[in-house]
Amino acid sequence: MAVTRIKLTKRMLADAPLGKGWIKIEDQQVPGLKLYSGKKKKTVYIRRRFKGQNRDFKLCNWEPAVSPD
C-alpha cells in the first residue's frame, strides 16, 4: 500500500484517484487523520488510542459535499 503525506483539503480529496488497490493518504497537520482510496470509494479515518492500543476509526465515506473541516 502506497503512503503519501500531504495536507488534506476538499480539493485534494476530490482529486484523489481511485486505483487498482488501496492508496493511503495521511494528513500533515492532524496526526492520525487519513484517507484510504480504493477501487470504488474513498474513506476517511482517524487513528486514536483505545484501551491501550492504536485503532483506526471510520469517520465517513467521502462524498463531494463532505469538507475535511
N, C-alpha and C. Protein backbone atom coordinates (compact mmCIF):
# COMPACT_ATOMS: atom_id res chain seq x y z
N MET A 1 0.84 -1.17 0.00
CA MET A 1 0.00 0.00 0.00
C MET A 1 0.89 1.24 0.00
N ALA A 2 0.66 2.12 -0.94
CA ALA A 2 1.43 3.36 -1.02
C ALA A 2 0.93 4.35 0.02
N VAL A 3 1.85 5.05 0.69
CA VAL A 3 1.50 6.05 1.69
C VAL A 3 2.05 7.39 1.26
N THR A 4 1.18 8.40 1.28
CA THR A 4 1.56 9.76 0.93
C THR A 4 1.15 10.67 2.08
N ARG A 5 2.00 11.66 2.42
CA ARG A 5 1.68 12.63 3.48
C ARG A 5 1.55 14.01 2.86
N ILE A 6 0.31 14.54 2.86
CA ILE A 6 0.03 15.89 2.36
C ILE A 6 -1.05 16.51 3.23
N LYS A 7 -1.33 17.79 3.02
CA LYS A 7 -2.42 18.44 3.74
C LYS A 7 -3.73 18.03 3.07
N LEU A 8 -4.64 17.45 3.83
CA LEU A 8 -5.92 17.02 3.28
C LEU A 8 -6.83 18.25 3.15
N THR A 9 -7.20 18.56 1.93
CA THR A 9 -8.12 19.65 1.65
C THR A 9 -9.29 19.08 0.84
N LYS A 10 -10.35 19.86 0.73
CA LYS A 10 -11.50 19.40 -0.02
C LYS A 10 -11.12 19.11 -1.48
N ARG A 11 -10.29 19.97 -2.06
CA ARG A 11 -9.88 19.76 -3.45
C ARG A 11 -9.03 18.49 -3.58
N MET A 12 -8.10 18.28 -2.63
CA MET A 12 -7.25 17.09 -2.68
C MET A 12 -8.10 15.83 -2.55
N LEU A 13 -9.11 15.86 -1.67
CA LEU A 13 -9.98 14.70 -1.52
C LEU A 13 -10.72 14.41 -2.81
N ALA A 14 -11.19 15.45 -3.47
CA ALA A 14 -11.92 15.27 -4.73
C ALA A 14 -11.00 14.73 -5.83
N ASP A 15 -9.73 15.19 -5.83
CA ASP A 15 -8.79 14.80 -6.88
C ASP A 15 -8.07 13.48 -6.61
N ALA A 16 -8.20 12.93 -5.42
CA ALA A 16 -7.51 11.67 -5.09
C ALA A 16 -8.02 10.58 -6.03
N PRO A 17 -7.11 9.88 -6.67
CA PRO A 17 -7.53 8.89 -7.67
C PRO A 17 -8.08 7.62 -7.04
N LEU A 18 -9.03 7.02 -7.72
CA LEU A 18 -9.46 5.68 -7.37
C LEU A 18 -8.52 4.75 -8.13
N GLY A 19 -7.96 3.76 -7.47
CA GLY A 19 -6.93 2.95 -8.10
C GLY A 19 -7.26 1.48 -8.15
N LYS A 20 -6.26 0.70 -8.50
CA LYS A 20 -6.42 -0.74 -8.56
C LYS A 20 -6.44 -1.36 -7.17
N GLY A 21 -5.67 -0.76 -6.26
CA GLY A 21 -5.64 -1.22 -4.88
C GLY A 21 -5.83 -0.03 -3.95
N TRP A 22 -5.64 -0.26 -2.67
CA TRP A 22 -5.82 0.82 -1.70
C TRP A 22 -4.63 1.77 -1.71
N ILE A 23 -4.92 3.07 -1.67
CA ILE A 23 -3.91 4.12 -1.54
C ILE A 23 -4.18 4.81 -0.22
N LYS A 24 -3.14 4.96 0.60
CA LYS A 24 -3.29 5.60 1.91
C LYS A 24 -2.67 6.99 1.84
N ILE A 25 -3.47 8.02 2.20
CA ILE A 25 -3.00 9.40 2.20
C ILE A 25 -3.18 9.94 3.61
N GLU A 26 -2.09 10.38 4.24
CA GLU A 26 -2.14 10.90 5.61
C GLU A 26 -2.04 12.41 5.60
N ASP A 27 -2.70 13.04 6.58
CA ASP A 27 -2.66 14.50 6.71
C ASP A 27 -1.40 14.93 7.43
N GLN A 28 -0.79 16.04 7.00
CA GLN A 28 0.42 16.56 7.63
C GLN A 28 0.13 17.30 8.91
N GLN A 29 -1.04 17.93 9.03
CA GLN A 29 -1.33 18.79 10.17
C GLN A 29 -2.06 18.08 11.30
N VAL A 30 -2.92 17.14 10.99
CA VAL A 30 -3.71 16.45 12.01
C VAL A 30 -3.18 15.02 12.14
N PRO A 31 -2.48 14.74 13.24
CA PRO A 31 -1.95 13.38 13.42
C PRO A 31 -3.06 12.34 13.45
N GLY A 32 -2.89 11.30 12.67
CA GLY A 32 -3.84 10.20 12.66
C GLY A 32 -4.96 10.32 11.64
N LEU A 33 -5.15 11.49 11.01
CA LEU A 33 -6.19 11.66 10.01
C LEU A 33 -5.68 11.12 8.68
N LYS A 34 -6.47 10.25 8.06
CA LYS A 34 -6.02 9.64 6.80
C LYS A 34 -7.18 9.32 5.90
N LEU A 35 -6.86 9.22 4.62
CA LEU A 35 -7.83 8.87 3.58
C LEU A 35 -7.35 7.58 2.93
N TYR A 36 -8.24 6.61 2.82
CA TYR A 36 -7.96 5.40 2.06
C TYR A 36 -8.78 5.50 0.78
N SER A 37 -8.11 5.40 -0.37
CA SER A 37 -8.77 5.45 -1.65
C SER A 37 -8.64 4.09 -2.31
N GLY A 38 -9.77 3.46 -2.61
CA GLY A 38 -9.76 2.13 -3.20
C GLY A 38 -10.28 2.13 -4.62
N LYS A 39 -10.77 1.00 -5.07
CA LYS A 39 -11.28 0.88 -6.44
C LYS A 39 -12.56 1.66 -6.66
N LYS A 40 -13.46 1.66 -5.64
CA LYS A 40 -14.78 2.24 -5.84
C LYS A 40 -15.13 3.38 -4.89
N LYS A 41 -14.38 3.53 -3.79
CA LYS A 41 -14.76 4.56 -2.83
C LYS A 41 -13.55 5.12 -2.10
N LYS A 42 -13.78 6.25 -1.44
CA LYS A 42 -12.77 6.91 -0.61
C LYS A 42 -13.34 6.97 0.81
N THR A 43 -12.53 6.59 1.78
CA THR A 43 -12.98 6.55 3.16
C THR A 43 -12.00 7.32 4.05
N VAL A 44 -12.54 8.13 4.97
CA VAL A 44 -11.73 8.94 5.87
C VAL A 44 -11.71 8.27 7.25
N TYR A 45 -10.50 8.13 7.82
CA TYR A 45 -10.31 7.51 9.13
C TYR A 45 -9.51 8.44 10.04
N ILE A 46 -9.62 8.22 11.35
CA ILE A 46 -8.79 8.88 12.34
C ILE A 46 -8.21 7.79 13.24
N ARG A 47 -6.93 7.90 13.57
CA ARG A 47 -6.27 6.92 14.44
C ARG A 47 -6.16 7.50 15.84
N ARG A 48 -6.66 6.76 16.83
CA ARG A 48 -6.60 7.17 18.23
C ARG A 48 -6.30 5.95 19.09
N ARG A 49 -5.84 6.22 20.32
CA ARG A 49 -5.60 5.14 21.27
C ARG A 49 -6.93 4.77 21.92
N PHE A 50 -7.17 3.47 22.03
CA PHE A 50 -8.39 2.96 22.65
C PHE A 50 -8.02 1.70 23.41
N LYS A 51 -8.22 1.73 24.71
CA LYS A 51 -7.89 0.60 25.59
C LYS A 51 -6.43 0.18 25.41
N GLY A 52 -5.54 1.18 25.32
CA GLY A 52 -4.11 0.91 25.26
C GLY A 52 -3.57 0.53 23.90
N GLN A 53 -4.40 0.54 22.87
CA GLN A 53 -3.94 0.18 21.53
C GLN A 53 -4.33 1.27 20.53
N ASN A 54 -3.51 1.46 19.49
CA ASN A 54 -3.86 2.37 18.41
C ASN A 54 -4.91 1.69 17.53
N ARG A 55 -6.00 2.42 17.25
CA ARG A 55 -7.08 1.88 16.42
C ARG A 55 -7.50 2.93 15.41
N ASP A 56 -7.91 2.49 14.24
CA ASP A 56 -8.46 3.38 13.22
C ASP A 56 -9.98 3.39 13.35
N PHE A 57 -10.54 4.60 13.42
CA PHE A 57 -11.98 4.76 13.50
C PHE A 57 -12.47 5.43 12.22
N LYS A 58 -13.47 4.83 11.59
CA LYS A 58 -14.01 5.36 10.35
C LYS A 58 -14.84 6.60 10.65
N LEU A 59 -14.53 7.69 9.95
CA LEU A 59 -15.31 8.92 10.10
C LEU A 59 -16.43 8.97 9.08
N CYS A 60 -16.12 8.68 7.80
CA CYS A 60 -17.15 8.73 6.77
C CYS A 60 -16.61 8.18 5.46
N ASN A 61 -17.54 7.84 4.57
CA ASN A 61 -17.19 7.62 3.18
C ASN A 61 -17.22 8.99 2.53
N TRP A 62 -16.15 9.35 1.83
CA TRP A 62 -16.06 10.71 1.30
C TRP A 62 -16.97 10.90 0.11
N GLU A 63 -17.69 12.04 0.14
CA GLU A 63 -18.52 12.48 -0.96
C GLU A 63 -18.18 13.94 -1.22
N PRO A 64 -18.42 14.47 -2.41
CA PRO A 64 -18.06 15.86 -2.69
C PRO A 64 -18.63 16.88 -1.71
N ALA A 65 -19.76 16.59 -1.07
CA ALA A 65 -20.37 17.53 -0.13
C ALA A 65 -19.65 17.56 1.22
N VAL A 66 -18.78 16.58 1.49
CA VAL A 66 -18.10 16.49 2.78
C VAL A 66 -16.83 17.35 2.75
N SER A 67 -16.67 18.18 3.78
CA SER A 67 -15.48 19.02 3.89
C SER A 67 -14.57 18.44 4.97
N PRO A 68 -13.25 18.50 4.80
CA PRO A 68 -12.35 17.97 5.83
C PRO A 68 -12.39 18.81 7.10
N ASP A 69 -12.94 20.01 7.06
CA ASP A 69 -13.04 20.85 8.25
C ASP A 69 -14.01 20.21 9.23
